[in-house]
Protein backbone atom coordinates (compact mmCIF):
# COMPACT_ATOMS: atom_id res chain seq x y z
CA MET A 1 -6.54 -17.65 -147.12
CA ALA A 2 -9.32 -19.30 -145.25
CA VAL A 3 -7.80 -22.77 -145.72
CA ALA A 4 -4.52 -21.43 -144.69
CA LEU A 5 -6.10 -19.62 -141.41
CA ALA A 6 -7.58 -22.54 -140.54
CA ARG A 7 -4.40 -24.79 -140.19
CA LYS A 8 -2.67 -21.83 -138.57
CA THR A 9 -5.15 -22.29 -135.95
CA LEU A 10 -5.31 -25.51 -135.35
CA VAL A 11 -1.24 -26.00 -135.20
CA HIS A 12 -1.29 -22.48 -132.68
CA GLU A 13 -4.57 -23.93 -130.59
CA TRP A 14 -3.55 -27.54 -130.95
CA ARG A 15 -3.94 -27.66 -126.99
CA ARG A 16 -7.69 -26.75 -127.66
CA PHE A 17 -8.49 -29.43 -130.49
CA LEU A 18 -6.67 -31.94 -128.91
CA PRO A 19 -9.69 -33.51 -126.68
CA ALA A 20 -11.73 -33.25 -130.05
CA VAL A 21 -9.31 -35.37 -131.82
CA MET A 22 -9.05 -38.26 -128.90
CA SER A 23 -12.32 -37.84 -129.02
CA VAL A 24 -13.24 -38.85 -132.71
CA GLY A 25 -10.39 -41.26 -132.37
CA PHE A 26 -11.96 -43.06 -129.72
CA SER A 27 -15.56 -42.63 -131.38
CA GLY A 28 -13.99 -44.59 -134.50
CA VAL A 29 -12.94 -47.04 -132.66
CA LEU A 30 -15.62 -47.94 -130.80
CA ILE A 31 -17.92 -47.86 -134.23
CA ILE A 32 -15.32 -49.98 -135.93
CA VAL A 33 -14.69 -52.63 -133.29
CA GLN A 34 -18.29 -52.92 -132.56
CA GLY A 35 -19.23 -53.34 -136.19
CA ALA A 36 -16.19 -55.90 -136.95
CA LEU A 37 -17.14 -58.05 -133.94
CA LEU A 38 -20.74 -58.63 -135.43
CA LEU A 39 -19.56 -59.30 -138.36
CA GLY A 40 -17.21 -61.59 -136.95
CA ILE A 41 -19.07 -63.21 -135.05
CA VAL A 42 -22.16 -64.07 -137.18
CA GLY A 43 -19.45 -64.87 -139.74
CA THR A 44 -18.25 -68.01 -137.84
CA ASN A 45 -21.63 -69.82 -138.81
CA ALA A 46 -20.47 -69.57 -142.47
CA LEU A 47 -16.86 -71.02 -141.61
CA PRO A 48 -17.31 -74.38 -143.61
CA VAL A 49 -17.63 -72.48 -146.57
CA THR A 50 -15.59 -69.66 -146.31
CA GLN A 51 -12.37 -71.89 -145.01
CA SER A 52 -13.18 -74.09 -148.25
CA HIS A 53 -11.27 -73.70 -151.78
CA ALA A 54 -15.07 -74.88 -153.58
CA ASP A 55 -16.44 -73.07 -156.11
CA LEU A 56 -19.86 -74.39 -155.89
CA TRP A 57 -22.06 -75.70 -152.70
CA VAL A 58 -24.58 -78.45 -153.25
CA GLY A 59 -27.36 -79.00 -150.27
CA PHE A 60 -30.61 -79.18 -149.46
CA PRO A 61 -33.08 -77.06 -151.29
CA GLY A 62 -34.03 -73.71 -149.01
CA THR A 63 -31.09 -74.46 -146.58
CA GLN A 64 -31.05 -71.19 -144.44
CA SER A 65 -27.35 -71.02 -143.49
CA ALA A 66 -24.54 -73.09 -143.99
CA ASP A 67 -24.67 -74.97 -140.07
CA LEU A 68 -28.35 -76.17 -140.80
CA GLY A 69 -28.14 -78.02 -143.42
CA ARG A 70 -29.84 -81.08 -144.02
CA SER A 71 -29.01 -84.18 -145.67
CA ILE A 72 -29.19 -85.15 -149.74
CA ASP A 73 -28.52 -88.60 -151.50
CA ALA A 74 -25.92 -89.27 -153.66
CA GLY A 75 -27.28 -88.66 -156.88
CA ALA A 76 -26.72 -85.05 -156.73
CA ALA A 77 -22.80 -85.75 -157.12
CA ALA A 78 -23.79 -88.15 -159.92
CA GLU A 79 -25.73 -85.26 -161.74
CA LEU A 80 -23.16 -82.58 -161.01
CA LEU A 81 -20.33 -84.57 -163.02
CA VAL A 82 -22.28 -85.08 -166.04
CA ASP A 83 -21.43 -81.14 -166.70
CA PRO A 84 -18.38 -80.98 -168.24
CA ARG A 85 -17.06 -78.06 -166.32
CA VAL A 86 -17.32 -79.43 -163.15
CA LEU A 87 -13.46 -81.10 -162.43
CA ARG A 88 -14.26 -83.02 -159.42
CA VAL A 89 -17.09 -83.23 -156.49
CA GLU A 90 -16.37 -84.38 -152.94
CA PRO A 91 -18.68 -84.60 -149.97
CA LEU A 92 -19.07 -82.94 -146.41
CA LEU A 93 -20.91 -84.53 -143.47
CA LEU A 94 -22.58 -82.26 -140.73
CA GLY A 95 -23.12 -83.87 -137.16
CA SER A 96 -23.23 -82.86 -133.48
CA GLY A 97 -21.96 -84.33 -130.06
CA ASP A 98 -21.27 -84.04 -126.53
CA TRP A 99 -17.45 -83.71 -125.83
CA ARG A 100 -16.06 -85.23 -122.34
CA GLY A 101 -12.58 -84.23 -121.67
CA PRO A 102 -10.02 -86.66 -119.96
CA ARG A 103 -10.64 -84.64 -116.69
CA GLY A 104 -14.06 -85.55 -116.99
CA GLY A 105 -16.98 -82.65 -115.80
CA GLY A 106 -19.61 -81.32 -117.82
CA GLY A 107 -19.99 -81.90 -121.49
CA VAL A 108 -19.25 -79.51 -124.36
CA SER A 109 -21.67 -79.56 -127.15
CA VAL A 110 -19.44 -79.76 -130.46
CA THR A 111 -20.26 -79.65 -134.08
CA LEU A 112 -18.64 -82.76 -136.44
CA ILE A 113 -17.46 -81.71 -139.63
CA GLY A 114 -16.76 -84.69 -141.79
CA ILE A 115 -14.46 -84.04 -144.90
CA ASP A 116 -12.39 -85.56 -147.31
CA THR A 117 -9.13 -86.50 -146.48
CA ARG A 118 -7.31 -86.90 -149.70
CA PRO A 119 -4.47 -84.50 -149.76
CA ASP A 120 -5.82 -82.00 -152.40
CA GLY A 121 -9.44 -82.03 -150.54
CA LEU A 122 -11.62 -78.78 -150.93
CA GLY A 123 -13.02 -78.76 -147.24
CA LEU A 124 -11.63 -76.65 -145.00
CA ALA A 125 -8.46 -76.60 -147.11
CA LYS A 126 -7.74 -72.92 -145.47
CA ALA A 127 -8.00 -74.02 -141.99
CA MET A 128 -5.79 -76.82 -142.21
CA PRO A 129 -2.02 -78.38 -144.01
CA ARG A 130 -2.32 -81.15 -146.22
CA SER A 131 -0.31 -82.85 -143.40
CA GLY A 132 -3.37 -82.34 -141.18
CA ARG A 133 -5.39 -84.00 -143.49
CA ALA A 134 -3.56 -87.30 -143.47
CA LEU A 135 -3.64 -87.85 -140.17
CA LEU A 136 -7.58 -87.83 -139.93
CA THR A 137 -7.27 -91.32 -142.16
CA GLU A 138 -6.84 -93.32 -138.95
CA PRO A 139 -9.97 -94.14 -137.40
CA ALA A 140 -11.16 -92.21 -134.42
CA THR A 141 -9.21 -89.41 -134.78
CA VAL A 142 -10.16 -85.63 -134.74
CA LEU A 143 -9.01 -81.73 -135.25
CA VAL A 144 -9.81 -79.10 -133.04
CA ASP A 145 -9.11 -75.42 -133.30
CA VAL A 146 -5.83 -74.10 -131.82
CA ALA A 147 -8.40 -71.70 -129.72
CA ASP A 148 -10.48 -74.47 -128.26
CA LEU A 149 -7.93 -76.50 -126.67
CA ASP A 150 -8.00 -74.98 -123.47
CA LYS A 151 -12.05 -74.96 -123.45
CA LEU A 152 -12.15 -78.76 -124.46
CA GLY A 153 -9.52 -79.16 -121.50
CA THR A 154 -7.35 -81.09 -124.02
CA ALA A 155 -4.13 -81.08 -126.11
CA ILE A 156 -2.34 -82.60 -129.35
CA GLY A 157 -1.83 -86.14 -128.67
CA GLY A 158 -4.88 -86.11 -125.78
CA ALA A 159 -7.72 -88.46 -125.81
CA ALA A 160 -11.62 -87.63 -125.06
CA GLU A 161 -14.97 -88.84 -125.55
CA ILE A 162 -17.60 -87.95 -128.08
CA ASN A 163 -21.01 -89.16 -127.37
CA GLY A 164 -19.64 -91.88 -125.40
CA GLN A 165 -16.76 -93.02 -127.97
CA ARG A 166 -13.09 -92.59 -127.62
CA VAL A 167 -11.38 -90.22 -129.95
CA ARG A 168 -7.75 -88.80 -129.97
CA VAL A 169 -6.38 -85.32 -131.09
CA VAL A 170 -4.19 -85.56 -133.62
CA GLY A 171 -3.81 -81.56 -134.57
CA THR A 172 -5.51 -78.53 -135.24
CA THR A 173 -6.96 -76.17 -137.07
CA ASP A 174 -6.80 -72.59 -137.21
CA GLY A 175 -9.55 -69.87 -137.80
CA MET A 176 -12.52 -72.55 -136.71
CA ARG A 177 -13.35 -70.93 -133.59
CA ALA A 178 -17.10 -71.08 -133.40
CA MET A 179 -19.72 -68.86 -131.74
CA GLY A 180 -21.50 -71.04 -130.00
CA GLY A 181 -19.88 -74.66 -129.46
CA VAL A 182 -16.59 -76.12 -130.83
CA ASN A 183 -16.14 -77.07 -134.45
CA VAL A 184 -14.63 -80.80 -134.44
CA VAL A 185 -12.88 -81.82 -137.65
CA ALA A 186 -13.13 -85.70 -138.71
CA SER A 187 -13.19 -87.99 -141.67
CA ILE A 188 -16.63 -88.63 -142.93
CA ALA A 189 -15.78 -92.34 -141.72
CA THR A 190 -15.40 -91.29 -138.32
CA VAL A 191 -18.39 -88.70 -138.20
CA ARG A 192 -20.57 -91.20 -138.93
CA THR A 193 -19.57 -93.46 -135.92
CA LEU A 194 -19.59 -90.83 -133.73
CA ASP A 195 -22.84 -89.37 -134.51
CA ARG A 196 -25.32 -92.66 -134.91
CA SER A 197 -28.40 -90.16 -135.89
CA LEU A 198 -27.03 -89.27 -139.08
CA ALA A 199 -29.04 -90.54 -142.26
CA ALA A 200 -28.14 -93.23 -144.50
CA ALA A 201 -24.37 -93.82 -145.70
CA GLY A 202 -24.77 -92.60 -149.12
CA ASP A 203 -26.25 -89.40 -147.61
CA VAL A 204 -24.09 -86.39 -146.83
CA THR A 205 -24.80 -82.75 -145.94
CA TYR A 206 -23.24 -81.07 -148.90
CA TYR A 207 -21.49 -81.76 -151.84
CA LEU A 208 -18.50 -79.40 -152.92
CA ALA A 209 -17.57 -78.79 -156.19
CA ALA A 210 -14.36 -77.57 -157.87
CA LEU A 211 -14.84 -76.07 -161.54
CA ARG A 212 -12.24 -75.87 -164.60
CA SER A 213 -12.80 -72.31 -164.61
CA PRO A 214 -14.07 -70.93 -161.52
CA GLY A 215 -15.39 -67.85 -163.49
CA ALA A 216 -18.12 -70.30 -164.73
CA ALA A 217 -19.81 -70.92 -161.28
CA ARG A 218 -22.86 -68.50 -161.96
CA ALA A 219 -23.29 -70.36 -165.20
CA VAL A 220 -23.30 -74.09 -163.94
CA LYS A 221 -25.11 -72.68 -160.76
CA ALA A 222 -27.70 -71.19 -163.22
CA ARG A 223 -28.06 -74.94 -165.21
CA PHE A 224 -28.96 -76.60 -161.75
CA SER A 225 -31.50 -73.90 -160.85
CA GLN A 226 -34.06 -75.40 -163.08
CA PRO A 227 -37.49 -76.03 -160.93
CA GLU A 228 -37.22 -79.71 -161.14
CA THR A 229 -33.71 -79.97 -160.13
CA ARG A 230 -34.42 -77.71 -157.20
CA LYS A 231 -37.01 -79.95 -155.75
CA ARG A 232 -33.78 -82.66 -155.10
CA PHE A 233 -31.27 -80.36 -154.45
CA GLU A 234 -29.95 -76.69 -154.59
CA VAL A 235 -26.69 -75.29 -155.88
CA TRP A 236 -25.01 -71.87 -154.41
CA THR A 237 -21.98 -70.16 -155.40
CA ALA A 238 -19.32 -70.16 -152.02
CA GLU A 239 -19.88 -66.54 -151.94
CA ASP A 240 -23.99 -66.76 -152.08
CA LEU A 241 -24.04 -69.52 -149.36
CA ALA A 242 -21.45 -67.75 -146.80
CA GLY A 243 -23.86 -64.43 -147.50
CA ARG A 244 -26.82 -66.41 -146.98
CA SER A 245 -25.72 -67.72 -143.40
CA VAL A 246 -24.39 -64.26 -142.26
CA ARG A 247 -27.96 -62.28 -143.43
CA TYR A 248 -29.69 -65.33 -141.59
CA TRP A 249 -27.76 -65.12 -138.52
CA LEU A 250 -27.73 -61.42 -138.52
CA LEU A 251 -31.24 -60.64 -139.30
CA GLU A 252 -33.09 -63.51 -138.51
CA SER A 253 -31.78 -65.23 -135.21
CA GLY A 254 -32.39 -63.53 -131.73
CA ALA A 255 -28.16 -63.48 -131.39
CA GLY A 256 -27.82 -61.25 -134.04
CA VAL A 257 -30.74 -58.74 -133.85
CA GLY A 258 -28.95 -58.23 -130.05
CA PHE A 259 -25.76 -57.50 -131.36
CA ILE A 260 -27.58 -55.26 -134.36
CA PHE A 261 -28.99 -53.50 -131.10
CA ALA A 262 -25.32 -52.96 -129.39
CA THR A 263 -23.91 -51.96 -132.45
CA ILE A 264 -26.62 -48.98 -133.08
CA VAL A 265 -26.28 -47.96 -129.33
CA ALA A 266 -22.36 -48.01 -129.92
CA LEU A 267 -22.71 -45.66 -132.78
CA LEU A 268 -25.12 -43.56 -131.29
CA VAL A 269 -22.88 -42.84 -128.38
CA GLY A 270 -19.73 -42.42 -130.69
CA THR A 271 -21.83 -39.61 -132.80
CA LEU A 272 -22.82 -38.14 -129.74
CA ILE A 273 -18.80 -38.00 -128.01
CA THR A 274 -17.83 -36.85 -131.34
CA SER A 275 -20.43 -34.32 -132.05
CA GLN A 276 -20.02 -32.77 -128.30
CA THR A 277 -16.37 -32.64 -127.87
CA LEU A 278 -16.39 -31.09 -131.42
CA THR A 279 -18.67 -28.29 -130.86
CA ALA A 280 -17.13 -27.57 -127.55
CA ALA A 281 -14.03 -26.69 -129.18
CA VAL A 282 -15.40 -24.81 -132.20
CA ALA A 283 -17.25 -22.86 -129.50
CA ALA A 284 -14.52 -21.99 -127.37
CA SER A 285 -12.64 -20.59 -130.60
CA THR A 286 -15.76 -18.13 -130.69
CA PRO A 287 -13.94 -15.21 -129.73
CA GLN A 288 -11.70 -15.38 -132.43
CA TYR A 289 -14.22 -15.95 -134.93
CA ALA A 290 -15.69 -12.78 -133.51
CA THR A 291 -12.88 -10.93 -134.26
CA LEU A 292 -12.92 -11.85 -137.90
CA ARG A 293 -16.44 -10.46 -138.19
CA ALA A 294 -15.75 -7.61 -136.50
CA ILE A 295 -12.95 -6.58 -138.63
CA GLY A 296 -15.23 -7.52 -141.80
CA VAL A 297 -14.67 -11.06 -142.76
CA PRO A 298 -18.02 -12.32 -144.38
CA PHE A 299 -20.05 -15.17 -142.76
CA PRO A 300 -19.32 -17.88 -145.63
CA LYS A 301 -15.44 -17.70 -145.60
CA LEU A 302 -15.90 -17.93 -141.60
CA ARG A 303 -17.79 -20.75 -142.40
CA ARG A 304 -15.27 -22.38 -144.23
CA ILE A 305 -12.60 -21.74 -142.06
CA VAL A 306 -14.98 -23.75 -139.14
CA VAL A 307 -15.74 -26.41 -141.58
CA GLU A 308 -11.96 -27.14 -142.38
CA GLN A 309 -10.69 -27.07 -139.14
CA ALA A 310 -13.52 -29.86 -138.05
CA ALA A 311 -12.38 -31.72 -141.37
CA TRP A 312 -8.77 -31.53 -140.05
CA VAL A 313 -9.62 -32.85 -136.58
CA GLY A 314 -12.05 -35.19 -138.38
CA ALA A 315 -9.31 -36.59 -140.47
CA ALA A 316 -6.56 -36.68 -137.45
CA GLY A 317 -9.09 -38.58 -135.25
CA LEU A 318 -10.21 -40.84 -138.04
CA ALA A 319 -6.22 -41.76 -138.47
CA LEU A 320 -5.94 -42.48 -134.94
CA GLY A 321 -9.17 -44.46 -134.55
CA LEU A 322 -8.14 -46.39 -137.58
CA ALA A 323 -4.82 -46.99 -136.05
CA GLY A 324 -6.74 -48.37 -133.31
CA SER A 325 -8.78 -50.42 -134.75
CA LEU A 326 -5.88 -52.15 -136.42
CA LEU A 327 -4.62 -52.95 -132.78
CA ALA A 328 -7.56 -54.43 -131.67
CA ALA A 329 -7.57 -56.78 -134.71
CA ALA A 330 -4.47 -57.95 -133.79
CA LEU A 331 -5.17 -58.52 -130.46
CA ALA A 332 -8.22 -60.20 -131.45
CA CYS A 333 -6.67 -62.46 -133.76
CA VAL A 334 -3.72 -63.95 -131.06
CA ASN A 335 -6.80 -64.29 -129.09
CA GLY A 336 -8.72 -66.05 -131.57
CA ILE A 337 -11.71 -63.96 -131.65
CA PRO A 338 -13.73 -63.74 -134.66
CA PHE A 339 -13.38 -59.89 -136.20
CA ALA A 340 -14.13 -59.41 -139.43
CA LEU A 341 -11.95 -55.88 -140.20
CA GLY A 342 -12.71 -55.45 -143.80
CA ALA A 343 -12.39 -52.33 -145.72
CA GLY A 344 -16.05 -51.86 -146.40
CA ILE A 345 -16.65 -51.66 -142.73
CA MET A 346 -13.61 -49.28 -141.99
CA ALA A 347 -14.79 -47.08 -144.86
CA LEU A 348 -18.52 -46.81 -143.70
CA SER A 349 -17.30 -46.13 -140.36
CA GLY A 350 -14.70 -43.50 -141.25
CA GLY A 351 -17.16 -41.74 -143.54
CA LEU A 352 -19.98 -41.79 -140.63
CA VAL A 353 -17.08 -40.40 -138.28
CA LEU A 354 -16.26 -37.55 -140.59
CA SER A 355 -19.33 -36.22 -141.40
CA VAL A 356 -20.59 -36.11 -137.85
CA ALA A 357 -17.53 -33.76 -137.36
CA LEU A 358 -18.37 -31.66 -140.39
CA LEU A 359 -21.79 -31.38 -138.93
CA ALA A 360 -20.66 -30.87 -135.54
CA GLY A 361 -18.34 -27.87 -136.91
CA VAL A 362 -21.63 -26.27 -138.73
CA LEU A 363 -23.81 -26.63 -136.17
CA ALA A 364 -21.48 -24.93 -133.77
CA LEU A 365 -21.60 -21.76 -135.89
CA ARG A 366 -25.28 -21.59 -134.97
CA ARG A 367 -24.65 -19.04 -132.00
CA LEU A 368 -22.14 -17.13 -134.25
CA ARG A 369 -24.09 -16.40 -137.22
CA HIS A 370 -26.80 -14.35 -135.19
CA ALA A 371 -24.72 -12.68 -132.84
CA ASP A 372 -23.55 -9.42 -132.40
CA PRO A 373 -19.39 -9.83 -132.95
CA ALA A 374 -19.15 -6.91 -130.16
CA ALA A 375 -21.40 -8.75 -127.70
CA LEU A 376 -19.28 -12.01 -128.33
CA LEU A 377 -16.11 -10.20 -127.35
CA ARG A 378 -17.12 -8.94 -124.18
């Protein structure tokens, strides 16, 4: 009876509860979008990892984030290839430069990413087609993310200078837009030419390994995690290195802490909006609840009615919020904005918003619990 009455009341008094549904939806969008932006922005520092097909990454011991790697020597690749479970190993080189477009003006700081240009290369395989890799076999050619063309003041076929040396843009990548500067992809030979500060010719920033069976990644990593090996290089699975990068920029950098603070503020604002609006909607129905008490409906059943109403309002608002979040994700994708809208952030935010809605409904009953029904009906 309580559940049926709660639904009938919501249908009959939908105008009274509509603002509560809208506020719950707005709160859901606010929380989900802020969380997705936070994870998306800090996740850009792990793009070399997440956009590649490598099972294992080999780099300098103690590397805090993928974009902060230091050089290791070629001996690491030779040691990896001794393991029969390793199918192939290829290098990846990180450098830096100052980009100046054809129209002149101030420079743009860029991160140079040198990859193996073979068609079946592992590095950044998700960010470009095989034909894009082939274009990099020509010296002094680069790829930039399609979202950064305007920022760099260039186009496909255009020329520019990096560290005073002329380069030609021969194509674009997709999904490589960085948080601060710009990611510029080239062959390893071109990166060495552009950034003269890089280490010796045989040294690279990372080695990427493909395994005969990807499920053996943890076992191979364990083999190369002995103390004597970790003095020369360290091995991570792709998931481990990407997670390490996100945690570093999220928890140990000033930018990450600032984003966390902004997300907490959004969370508090969304919670407050949901709580106050739903409390007001329930409070506005106090005379009807008082009538039920006056005719003998026990308070536990009345509480079930209110909680049921709060649950339906929360569910409807949450559905609205999820739809708004998907729209925001689509807009972010079109504009090349880092936006990590995953199932985890949606489930966590949805559970929080729904919990706040239920709590607001219960708290709204405090006035009714200890009041005289006759007084509430006046």
